[in-house]
Amino acid sequence: MSRTDDERTFAALPPAHGRGFAETWWGRAWLQALEDTALDREQLKRGRRQAREGAVGAVSVRPGRITAVVMDRHGTAHRSDVLLQELSDGEWDRFLDLVVDRAGHIAALLDRDMPPHLVEDAAAAGVELLPGIGDLEPECTCDAWDHCPHTSALCYQVARLLDQDPFVLLLMRGRGERRVLDELQVRSAARAGRTEDGRPAGAGPEGVRADEAFAARDVLPPLPAPPPLPERPGEPPAPDAETPPAPGVAPGALALLAADAAARAHRMLAEALAPGHEDQSVEPELSRDQDAVRLAAGAEGHPRVVGRLASGTGRRRADLDLATRAWRLGGSVALAVLEEEWTPSPEQSARARALLAEAWDDAERPALRASGPDRWTAPGTGVQLRLGRDGHWWAYRKEGGRWAPVTPPAEDPASAFAEARGLMGADGDPASVLREARGSSGAAEDLSGRPV
């Protein structure tokens, strides 16, 4: 993504097979405005299909306008624009004042959230942030007078951008993120300089409200840049070759654990220094069995270590091999899909059945038989699809009488199924899948399976 304060350009988003276009309430409100405005429902359906297939190019967002090149199904490119009226200076003043009036509003915006009460407060002040019926005005080189498939596809794609960052909507309404934050800082400083009755802050005991000071913390100048990340993890100390190991201690296993700790520390530091890290959720702590599988997944070439891990977790060696294979494909989530059968809610089951019905054209749809509440098998193909708790699909193949994972997660079942069929070698041997999961480049990996 490239950006200035009054223009942001977002790279083309990948196809959206098997997912909705809006997950936040404000993203859905944006699409509701589109669907309430458009007169031809068939045009909307065609636009939604084109957006889902990835036909929308890079999206440029400017005050009052969004623009993208959209490819139709015949390969013709159309420049499509959707116009949205900018807020006046007076409306911006009222909006910024009400944001500063409630400390939670600033905190919500900085968390890339747009709570309903913020929009309600703005509407009560005469400021309409979200578009309504007729507010999204289309322009397209296909010369359609209503929302055509191209402008509809653009609107559906922008809903995904709004989900990620409500400042995109504020830019469309006339002001970029940096300007909004700067003006909030000025207003916060002015509020901090006087009491509620207008007296100077030092004239009485009232001072500055703690919630206002806390909410304004992130509009202050940023901290200095952190030091650069080392290129690679540090080398763990080598065991003393002249001192015999203590009884029960395997020097090779100890060296492996030390190297793993160094690699994990380096990865955690890299993640902590990455932009946007503060917005990411903290990964849950691994259980004893999950950590043993993680260690085994990185202990290739150390059969004695893997054997001890199998014994310590009560697994047969073949079971541990299958678990490490799942781990390389998707960590603890993939391990849960392998080892835990679960029952989706009625809503999740209905969504899964709908995806299975819509993912293929009629002539290409495989015959699928439910093999459990979260899995479906295609007889005669040796392929099984499993639904994870997070809504992703995982492909399995029958190997030696057991179901084994063969692909990373996919957002739609057709992609997972096709990848599983495509990964089979000409001789039907799926061993290449395992080699690919282990990494065929020969690059070093830490025990989480990530390249070092």
Protein backbone atom coordinates (compact mmCIF):
# COMPACT_ATOMS: atom_id res chain seq x y z
CA MET A 1 0.00 0.00 0.00
CA SER A 2 1.24 3.49 -0.85
CA ARG A 3 -0.09 6.61 0.81
CA THR A 4 -0.01 10.33 1.33
CA ASP A 5 -2.27 12.00 3.84
CA ASP A 6 -4.92 12.81 1.21
CA GLU A 7 -4.59 9.69 -0.98
CA ARG A 8 -4.09 6.00 -0.22
CA THR A 9 -3.59 3.27 -2.82
CA PHE A 10 -4.24 -0.33 -1.83
CA ALA A 11 -2.81 -3.23 -3.83
CA ALA A 12 -5.31 -5.55 -5.48
CA LEU A 13 -6.79 -7.96 -2.94
CA PRO A 14 -6.73 -11.71 -3.59
CA PRO A 15 -9.92 -13.52 -4.65
CA ALA A 16 -12.50 -13.85 -1.88
CA HIS A 17 -13.72 -17.40 -2.50
CA GLY A 18 -15.70 -18.80 0.40
CA ARG A 19 -15.85 -15.60 2.50
CA GLY A 20 -18.07 -12.59 2.91
CA PHE A 21 -17.03 -9.10 1.87
CA ALA A 22 -17.83 -7.35 5.15
CA GLU A 23 -17.29 -8.67 8.67
CA THR A 24 -17.63 -5.42 10.65
CA TRP A 25 -20.92 -3.66 11.19
CA TRP A 26 -19.72 -0.53 9.37
CA GLY A 27 -18.52 -2.61 6.40
CA ARG A 28 -21.97 -4.17 6.20
CA ALA A 29 -23.56 -0.69 6.43
CA TRP A 30 -21.44 0.37 3.43
CA LEU A 31 -22.72 -2.58 1.40
CA GLN A 32 -26.29 -1.90 2.56
CA ALA A 33 -25.99 1.61 1.09
CA LEU A 34 -24.84 0.09 -2.21
CA GLU A 35 -27.62 -2.51 -2.29
CA ASP A 36 -30.29 0.05 -1.32
CA THR A 37 -29.08 2.44 -4.06
CA ALA A 38 -28.66 0.06 -7.02
CA LEU A 39 -31.78 -0.51 -9.11
CA ASP A 40 -30.70 -3.72 -10.87
CA ARG A 41 -30.06 -6.64 -8.50
CA GLU A 42 -28.58 -8.71 -11.33
CA GLN A 43 -25.86 -6.10 -11.84
CA LEU A 44 -25.01 -6.37 -8.13
CA LYS A 45 -24.74 -10.14 -8.36
CA ARG A 46 -22.41 -9.88 -11.34
CA GLY A 47 -20.30 -7.28 -9.52
CA ARG A 48 -20.10 -9.42 -6.40
CA ARG A 49 -18.98 -12.37 -8.53
CA GLN A 50 -16.29 -10.28 -10.27
CA ALA A 51 -14.99 -8.98 -6.92
CA ARG A 52 -14.94 -12.52 -5.52
CA GLU A 53 -12.88 -13.66 -8.54
CA GLY A 54 -10.26 -10.93 -8.01
CA ALA A 55 -11.19 -8.74 -10.99
CA VAL A 56 -10.68 -5.46 -9.09
CA GLY A 57 -7.23 -3.92 -9.43
CA ALA A 58 -5.44 -1.55 -7.06
CA VAL A 59 -7.91 0.75 -5.27
CA SER A 60 -7.16 4.47 -4.92
CA VAL A 61 -8.98 6.30 -2.11
CA ARG A 62 -9.17 10.11 -2.14
CA PRO A 63 -11.51 12.67 -0.58
CA GLY A 64 -14.88 12.18 -2.20
CA ARG A 65 -13.82 9.38 -4.58
CA ILE A 66 -12.63 5.78 -4.86
CA THR A 67 -11.14 4.51 -8.13
CA ALA A 68 -10.00 1.17 -9.57
CA VAL A 69 -9.59 -0.63 -12.88
CA VAL A 70 -12.03 -3.55 -13.06
CA MET A 71 -11.74 -6.39 -15.58
CA ASP A 72 -14.98 -7.79 -16.93
CA ARG A 73 -15.44 -11.48 -17.72
CA HIS A 74 -14.31 -10.91 -21.31
CA GLY A 75 -10.98 -9.39 -20.24
CA THR A 76 -11.94 -5.75 -20.99
CA ALA A 77 -10.60 -3.19 -18.49
CA HIS A 78 -12.91 -0.44 -17.23
CA ARG A 79 -12.01 2.53 -15.05
CA SER A 80 -14.63 2.67 -12.32
CA ASP A 81 -15.20 5.45 -9.78
CA VAL A 82 -17.63 5.78 -6.89
CA LEU A 83 -18.22 9.27 -5.49
CA LEU A 84 -19.17 10.09 -1.89
CA GLN A 85 -19.84 13.64 -0.70
CA GLU A 86 -17.15 15.14 1.55
CA LEU A 87 -18.02 16.60 4.95
CA SER A 88 -17.98 20.38 5.21
CA ASP A 89 -15.53 22.19 7.50
CA GLY A 90 -18.34 22.81 9.96
CA GLU A 91 -19.27 19.11 10.00
CA TRP A 92 -15.63 18.16 10.56
CA ASP A 93 -15.42 20.59 13.49
CA ARG A 94 -18.50 19.05 15.11
CA PHE A 95 -17.24 15.53 14.52
CA LEU A 96 -13.75 16.18 15.94
CA ASP A 97 -15.20 17.97 18.97
CA LEU A 98 -17.48 15.07 19.82
CA VAL A 99 -14.60 12.58 19.42
CA VAL A 100 -12.51 14.55 21.91
CA ASP A 101 -15.51 14.89 24.27
CA ARG A 102 -15.56 11.11 24.88
CA ALA A 103 -12.22 9.49 25.60
CA GLY A 104 -13.39 6.12 24.31
CA HIS A 105 -13.95 7.52 20.81
CA ILE A 106 -10.25 8.32 20.32
CA ALA A 107 -9.20 4.95 21.71
CA ALA A 108 -11.64 3.15 19.38
CA LEU A 109 -10.37 4.92 16.26
CA LEU A 110 -6.76 4.20 17.15
CA ASP A 111 -7.72 0.53 17.56
CA ARG A 112 -9.14 0.65 14.00
CA ASP A 113 -12.65 0.31 15.40
CA MET A 114 -15.79 2.34 14.75
CA PRO A 115 -18.23 1.70 17.62
CA PRO A 116 -21.92 2.28 16.88
CA HIS A 117 -22.22 4.99 19.55
CA LEU A 118 -19.55 7.05 17.74
CA VAL A 119 -21.62 7.03 14.55
CA GLU A 120 -24.80 7.71 16.57
CA ASP A 121 -23.18 10.66 18.35
CA ALA A 122 -22.01 12.04 15.01
CA ALA A 123 -25.49 11.68 13.50
CA ALA A 124 -26.99 13.47 16.52
CA ALA A 125 -24.56 16.33 15.78
CA GLY A 126 -25.71 16.44 12.14
CA VAL A 127 -22.72 14.54 10.73
CA GLU A 128 -23.49 11.45 8.65
CA LEU A 129 -20.33 9.34 8.48
CA LEU A 130 -21.74 6.25 6.78
CA PRO A 131 -23.41 6.55 3.37
CA GLY A 132 -27.14 6.10 2.95
CA ILE A 133 -29.47 5.49 0.02
CA GLY A 134 -28.25 7.36 -3.05
CA ASP A 135 -24.98 8.53 -1.46
CA LEU A 136 -22.73 6.23 -3.53
CA GLU A 137 -22.65 7.78 -7.00
CA PRO A 138 -21.18 5.54 -9.77
CA GLU A 139 -19.04 6.56 -12.76
CA CYS A 140 -17.68 3.95 -15.19
CA THR A 141 -16.20 3.87 -18.68
CA CYS A 142 -18.80 1.25 -19.63
CA ASP A 143 -21.24 4.22 -19.64
CA ALA A 144 -23.85 2.57 -17.44
CA TRP A 145 -26.12 5.13 -15.73
CA ASP A 146 -26.74 2.99 -12.64
CA HIS A 147 -24.36 0.87 -10.60
CA CYS A 148 -22.87 -1.51 -13.18
CA PRO A 149 -21.00 -4.74 -12.32
CA HIS A 150 -17.71 -2.79 -12.33
CA THR A 151 -18.67 -0.12 -9.78
CA SER A 152 -20.49 -2.77 -7.75
CA ALA A 153 -17.34 -4.94 -7.68
CA LEU A 154 -15.34 -1.88 -6.57
CA CYS A 155 -17.77 -1.24 -3.69
CA TYR A 156 -17.64 -4.86 -2.56
CA GLN A 157 -13.85 -4.77 -2.55
CA VAL A 158 -13.77 -1.48 -0.61
CA ALA A 159 -15.92 -3.10 2.08
CA ARG A 160 -12.96 -5.40 2.80
CA LEU A 161 -10.69 -2.35 3.14
CA LEU A 162 -13.15 -0.67 5.49
CA ASP A 163 -13.18 -3.78 7.68
CA GLN A 164 -9.45 -3.37 8.20
CA ASP A 165 -9.34 0.39 8.73
CA PRO A 166 -12.26 2.84 9.30
CA PHE A 167 -9.86 5.72 8.52
CA VAL A 168 -10.49 4.76 4.87
CA LEU A 169 -14.06 6.03 5.33
CA LEU A 170 -12.84 9.26 6.96
CA LEU A 171 -10.49 9.84 4.00
CA MET A 172 -13.42 9.42 1.61
CA ARG A 173 -15.29 11.97 3.71
CA GLY A 174 -12.45 14.47 3.20
CA ARG A 175 -9.55 14.10 5.64
CA GLY A 176 -6.67 11.65 5.96
CA GLU A 177 -5.58 9.82 9.08
CA ARG A 178 -2.60 12.04 9.89
CA ARG A 179 -4.65 15.23 9.65
CA VAL A 180 -7.44 13.78 11.79
CA LEU A 181 -4.99 12.66 14.50
CA ASP A 182 -3.15 16.00 14.44
CA GLU A 183 -6.40 17.91 14.89
CA LEU A 184 -7.49 15.57 17.68
CA GLN A 185 -4.16 16.21 19.40
CA VAL A 186 -4.65 19.98 19.17
CA ARG A 187 -8.17 19.71 20.59
CA SER A 188 -7.05 17.32 23.33
CA ALA A 189 -4.26 19.70 24.34
CA ALA A 190 -6.70 22.62 24.39
CA ARG A 191 -9.14 20.63 26.56
CA ALA A 192 -6.30 19.66 28.89
CA GLY A 193 -5.46 23.36 29.33
CA ARG A 194 -8.79 24.31 30.93
CA THR A 195 -11.36 22.91 33.34
CA GLU A 196 -14.90 21.97 32.39
CA ASP A 197 -16.18 25.42 33.35
CA GLY A 198 -13.58 27.14 31.12
CA ARG A 199 -11.09 28.22 33.83
CA PRO A 200 -7.34 27.61 33.35
CA ALA A 201 -6.34 24.17 34.56
CA GLY A 202 -4.16 25.61 37.36
CA ALA A 203 -6.96 27.71 38.81
CA GLY A 204 -8.61 24.91 40.73
CA PRO A 205 -8.28 21.33 41.91
CA GLU A 206 -10.05 19.76 38.92
CA GLY A 207 -6.98 19.21 36.67
CA VAL A 208 -7.13 16.87 33.68
CA ARG A 209 -9.41 13.85 33.63
CA ALA A 210 -7.45 10.60 33.69
CA ASP A 211 -9.52 8.99 30.91
CA GLU A 212 -8.86 11.97 28.62
CA ALA A 213 -5.13 11.86 29.28
CA PHE A 214 -5.08 8.09 28.68
CA ALA A 215 -7.08 8.35 25.44
CA ALA A 216 -4.73 11.03 24.09
CA ARG A 217 -1.60 8.96 24.71
CA ASP A 218 -1.32 7.62 21.15
CA VAL A 219 -1.68 10.98 19.41
CA LEU A 220 1.59 12.16 20.95
CA PRO A 221 4.86 11.99 18.94
CA PRO A 222 6.03 8.37 18.46
CA LEU A 223 8.89 6.84 20.41
CA PRO A 224 12.33 6.61 18.77
CA ALA A 225 12.86 3.72 16.36
CA PRO A 226 13.97 0.44 18.02
CA PRO A 227 17.45 -0.97 17.33
CA PRO A 228 17.83 -3.13 14.18
CA LEU A 229 16.99 -6.82 14.34
CA PRO A 230 20.01 -9.17 14.22
CA GLU A 231 20.23 -11.08 10.94
CA ARG A 232 20.11 -14.49 12.63
CA PRO A 233 19.65 -16.04 16.06
CA GLY A 234 22.64 -16.13 18.38
CA GLU A 235 24.70 -19.30 18.64
CA PRO A 236 23.91 -21.26 21.82
CA PRO A 237 26.92 -22.31 23.94
CA ALA A 238 28.39 -25.68 23.02
CA PRO A 239 28.43 -28.42 25.69
CA ASP A 240 31.76 -28.95 27.42
CA ALA A 241 33.32 -31.85 25.52
CA GLU A 242 35.71 -32.63 28.38
CA THR A 243 33.04 -32.97 31.07
CA PRO A 244 30.89 -36.08 30.89
CA PRO A 245 27.16 -35.34 30.83
CA ALA A 246 25.07 -35.91 33.92
CA PRO A 247 23.16 -39.19 34.06
CA GLY A 248 20.01 -39.03 31.93
CA VAL A 249 21.12 -35.94 29.98
CA ALA A 250 21.58 -36.35 26.21
CA PRO A 251 24.02 -33.71 24.89
CA GLY A 252 22.47 -33.81 21.40
CA ALA A 253 18.98 -33.18 22.78
CA LEU A 254 20.26 -30.39 25.00
CA ALA A 255 21.97 -28.68 22.04
CA LEU A 256 18.76 -29.02 20.03
CA LEU A 257 16.72 -27.37 22.79
CA ALA A 258 19.22 -24.51 23.09
CA ALA A 259 19.13 -23.89 19.33
CA ASP A 260 15.34 -23.99 19.40
CA ALA A 261 15.19 -21.45 22.24
CA ALA A 262 17.52 -19.08 20.35
CA ALA A 263 15.49 -19.39 17.13
CA ARG A 264 12.19 -18.80 18.94
CA ALA A 265 13.58 -15.77 20.75
CA HIS A 266 14.76 -14.31 17.43
CA ARG A 267 11.37 -14.92 15.82
CA MET A 268 9.50 -13.36 18.76
CA LEU A 269 11.74 -10.30 18.60
CA ALA A 270 11.17 -10.01 14.83
CA GLU A 271 7.40 -10.16 15.37
CA ALA A 272 7.57 -7.59 18.17
CA LEU A 273 9.47 -5.17 15.93
CA ALA A 274 7.19 -5.68 12.91
CA PRO A 275 4.77 -2.82 12.04
CA GLY A 276 1.31 -3.38 13.46
CA HIS A 277 2.48 -5.91 16.04
CA GLU A 278 0.61 -4.09 18.80
CA ASP A 279 -2.66 -4.83 16.97
CA GLN A 280 -2.05 -8.58 16.83
CA SER A 281 -3.52 -10.97 19.36
CA VAL A 282 -1.20 -12.92 21.65
CA GLU A 283 -0.86 -16.57 20.67
CA PRO A 284 -2.12 -18.95 23.37
CA GLU A 285 0.48 -20.90 25.29
CA LEU A 286 1.08 -24.41 23.94
CA SER A 287 0.16 -27.45 25.97
CA ARG A 288 2.79 -30.04 26.87
CA ASP A 289 1.71 -32.36 24.02
CA GLN A 290 1.52 -29.51 21.48
CA ASP A 291 5.02 -28.34 22.39
CA ALA A 292 6.34 -31.89 22.05
CA VAL A 293 4.89 -32.08 18.52
CA ARG A 294 6.41 -28.69 17.69
CA LEU A 295 9.82 -29.88 18.87
CA ALA A 296 9.51 -33.12 16.91
CA ALA A 297 8.57 -31.19 13.77
CA GLY A 298 11.95 -29.46 13.90
CA ALA A 299 14.01 -32.42 15.02
CA GLU A 300 14.40 -34.10 11.64
CA GLY A 301 17.74 -35.88 11.60
CA HIS A 302 17.57 -36.59 15.35
CA PRO A 303 15.64 -39.89 15.53
CA ARG A 304 16.55 -40.53 19.16
CA VAL A 305 15.08 -37.17 20.18
CA VAL A 306 11.90 -37.85 18.22
CA GLY A 307 11.66 -41.29 19.79
CA ARG A 308 11.93 -39.84 23.29
CA LEU A 309 9.28 -37.24 22.47
CA ALA A 310 6.95 -39.99 21.24
CA SER A 311 7.53 -42.00 24.41
CA GLY A 312 7.08 -38.95 26.65
CA THR A 313 3.71 -38.06 25.11
CA GLY A 314 2.39 -41.63 24.94
CA ARG A 315 2.24 -41.62 21.15
CA ARG A 316 3.33 -44.34 18.79
CA ARG A 317 6.09 -43.20 16.47
CA ALA A 318 3.73 -43.37 13.47
CA ASP A 319 1.20 -41.19 15.33
CA LEU A 320 3.86 -38.62 16.16
CA ASP A 321 5.04 -38.57 12.52
CA LEU A 322 1.48 -37.80 11.43
CA ALA A 323 1.16 -35.09 14.10
CA THR A 324 4.42 -33.41 13.05
CA ARG A 325 3.27 -33.48 9.45
CA ALA A 326 0.12 -31.62 10.47
CA TRP A 327 2.18 -29.17 12.52
CA ARG A 328 4.35 -28.23 9.54
CA LEU A 329 1.20 -27.41 7.59
CA GLY A 330 -0.48 -25.22 10.18
CA GLY A 331 0.82 -25.44 13.74
CA SER A 332 -1.54 -26.07 16.65
CA VAL A 333 -4.63 -25.36 14.50
CA ALA A 334 -3.70 -28.09 12.03
CA LEU A 335 -2.91 -30.48 14.90
CA ALA A 336 -6.38 -29.93 16.35
CA VAL A 337 -7.96 -30.67 12.95
CA LEU A 338 -6.02 -33.94 12.83
CA GLU A 339 -6.72 -35.15 16.35
CA GLU A 340 -10.01 -33.56 17.44
CA GLU A 341 -13.41 -34.21 15.88
CA TRP A 342 -15.81 -31.38 16.73
CA THR A 343 -19.45 -30.54 16.12
CA PRO A 344 -20.12 -27.20 14.39
CA SER A 345 -23.06 -25.09 15.50
CA PRO A 346 -26.20 -25.17 13.31
CA GLU A 347 -25.14 -21.84 11.75
CA GLN A 348 -21.62 -23.14 11.04
CA SER A 349 -23.02 -26.37 9.58
CA ALA A 350 -25.39 -24.44 7.31
CA ARG A 351 -22.56 -22.22 6.10
CA ALA A 352 -20.33 -25.26 5.44
CA ARG A 353 -23.06 -27.01 3.44
CA ALA A 354 -23.65 -23.85 1.42
CA LEU A 355 -19.95 -23.54 0.62
CA LEU A 356 -19.79 -27.18 -0.44
CA ALA A 357 -22.79 -26.65 -2.71
CA GLU A 358 -21.48 -23.44 -4.30
CA ALA A 359 -17.74 -24.08 -4.54
CA TRP A 360 -17.90 -26.10 -7.80
CA ASP A 361 -19.80 -25.84 -11.03
CA ASP A 362 -22.38 -28.61 -11.33
CA ALA A 363 -20.29 -30.59 -13.82
CA GLU A 364 -17.17 -30.46 -11.64
CA ARG A 365 -18.61 -31.05 -8.16
CA PRO A 366 -17.27 -34.27 -6.60
CA ALA A 367 -19.59 -36.61 -4.76
CA LEU A 368 -19.08 -35.88 -1.06
CA ARG A 369 -20.29 -38.05 1.81
CA ALA A 370 -20.44 -36.80 5.39
CA SER A 371 -17.95 -38.83 7.43
CA GLY A 372 -18.49 -36.95 10.67
CA PRO A 373 -19.85 -33.60 11.84
CA ASP A 374 -16.75 -31.74 10.59
CA ARG A 375 -15.55 -33.85 7.64
CA TRP A 376 -16.65 -34.99 4.17
CA THR A 377 -15.12 -37.76 2.04
CA ALA A 378 -15.10 -38.04 -1.77
CA PRO A 379 -15.44 -41.79 -2.50
CA GLY A 380 -13.01 -43.14 -5.08
CA THR A 381 -10.62 -40.18 -4.81
CA GLY A 382 -8.86 -40.91 -1.54
CA VAL A 383 -9.53 -37.28 -0.50
CA GLN A 384 -11.30 -36.02 2.61
CA LEU A 385 -12.16 -32.41 3.49
CA ARG A 386 -12.17 -31.28 7.11
CA LEU A 387 -13.61 -28.05 8.47
CA GLY A 388 -11.53 -26.31 11.14
CA ARG A 389 -13.00 -24.37 14.04
CA ASP A 390 -11.79 -21.16 12.37
CA GLY A 391 -13.83 -21.86 9.21
CA HIS A 392 -10.87 -22.93 7.02
CA TRP A 393 -10.81 -26.14 5.00
CA TRP A 394 -8.11 -28.81 5.21
CA ALA A 395 -7.54 -31.60 2.69
CA TYR A 396 -6.59 -35.13 3.76
CA ARG A 397 -5.56 -38.20 1.75
CA LYS A 398 -5.82 -41.88 2.60
CA GLU A 399 -2.29 -43.23 3.16
CA GLY A 400 -1.69 -46.72 4.48
CA GLY A 401 -5.24 -46.96 5.75
CA ARG A 402 -5.05 -43.65 7.66
CA TRP A 403 -6.12 -40.13 6.83
CA ALA A 404 -3.13 -37.79 6.55
CA PRO A 405 -3.10 -33.99 6.07
CA VAL A 406 -1.61 -32.86 2.76
CA THR A 407 -2.30 -29.12 2.28
CA PRO A 408 -2.24 -25.88 4.25
CA PRO A 409 -5.66 -24.35 5.06
CA ALA A 410 -7.85 -22.91 2.32
CA GLU A 411 -10.76 -20.49 2.55
CA ASP A 412 -12.97 -22.55 0.27
CA PRO A 413 -13.35 -26.34 -0.08
CA ALA A 414 -12.78 -26.42 -3.86
CA SER A 415 -9.27 -24.95 -3.48
CA ALA A 416 -8.33 -27.45 -0.78
CA PHE A 417 -9.72 -30.37 -2.81
CA ALA A 418 -7.96 -29.30 -6.03
CA GLU A 419 -4.64 -28.80 -4.26
CA ALA A 420 -4.86 -32.25 -2.67
CA ARG A 421 -5.50 -33.86 -6.04
CA GLY A 422 -2.78 -31.81 -7.73
CA LEU A 423 -0.13 -32.66 -5.13
CA MET A 424 -0.26 -36.37 -5.93
CA GLY A 425 2.70 -37.53 -8.00
CA ALA A 426 2.29 -39.34 -11.27
CA ASP A 427 2.69 -42.63 -9.40
CA GLY A 428 0.05 -41.66 -6.84
CA ASP A 429 2.66 -41.35 -4.09
CA PRO A 430 1.89 -38.41 -1.75
CA ALA A 431 5.36 -38.45 -0.20
CA SER A 432 6.20 -35.29 -2.14
CA VAL A 433 3.68 -33.47 0.01
CA LEU A 434 5.62 -34.35 3.15
CA ARG A 435 8.89 -33.32 1.53
CA GLU A 436 7.33 -30.00 0.56
CA ALA A 437 6.00 -29.48 4.10
CA ARG A 438 9.48 -30.13 5.48
CA GLY A 439 10.98 -27.65 3.03
CA SER A 440 12.72 -28.78 -0.12
CA SER A 441 15.01 -25.77 -0.38
CA GLY A 442 17.41 -27.08 2.20
CA ALA A 443 17.11 -23.85 4.24
CA ALA A 444 17.66 -24.20 7.97
CA GLU A 445 14.51 -24.18 10.12
CA ASP A 446 13.85 -23.68 13.79
CA LEU A 447 11.77 -26.25 15.68
CA SER A 448 8.54 -24.42 14.88
CA GLY A 449 9.09 -25.21 11.20
CA ARG A 450 9.82 -21.57 10.32
CA PRO A 451 12.91 -20.71 8.26
CA VAL A 452 15.73 -19.26 10.33
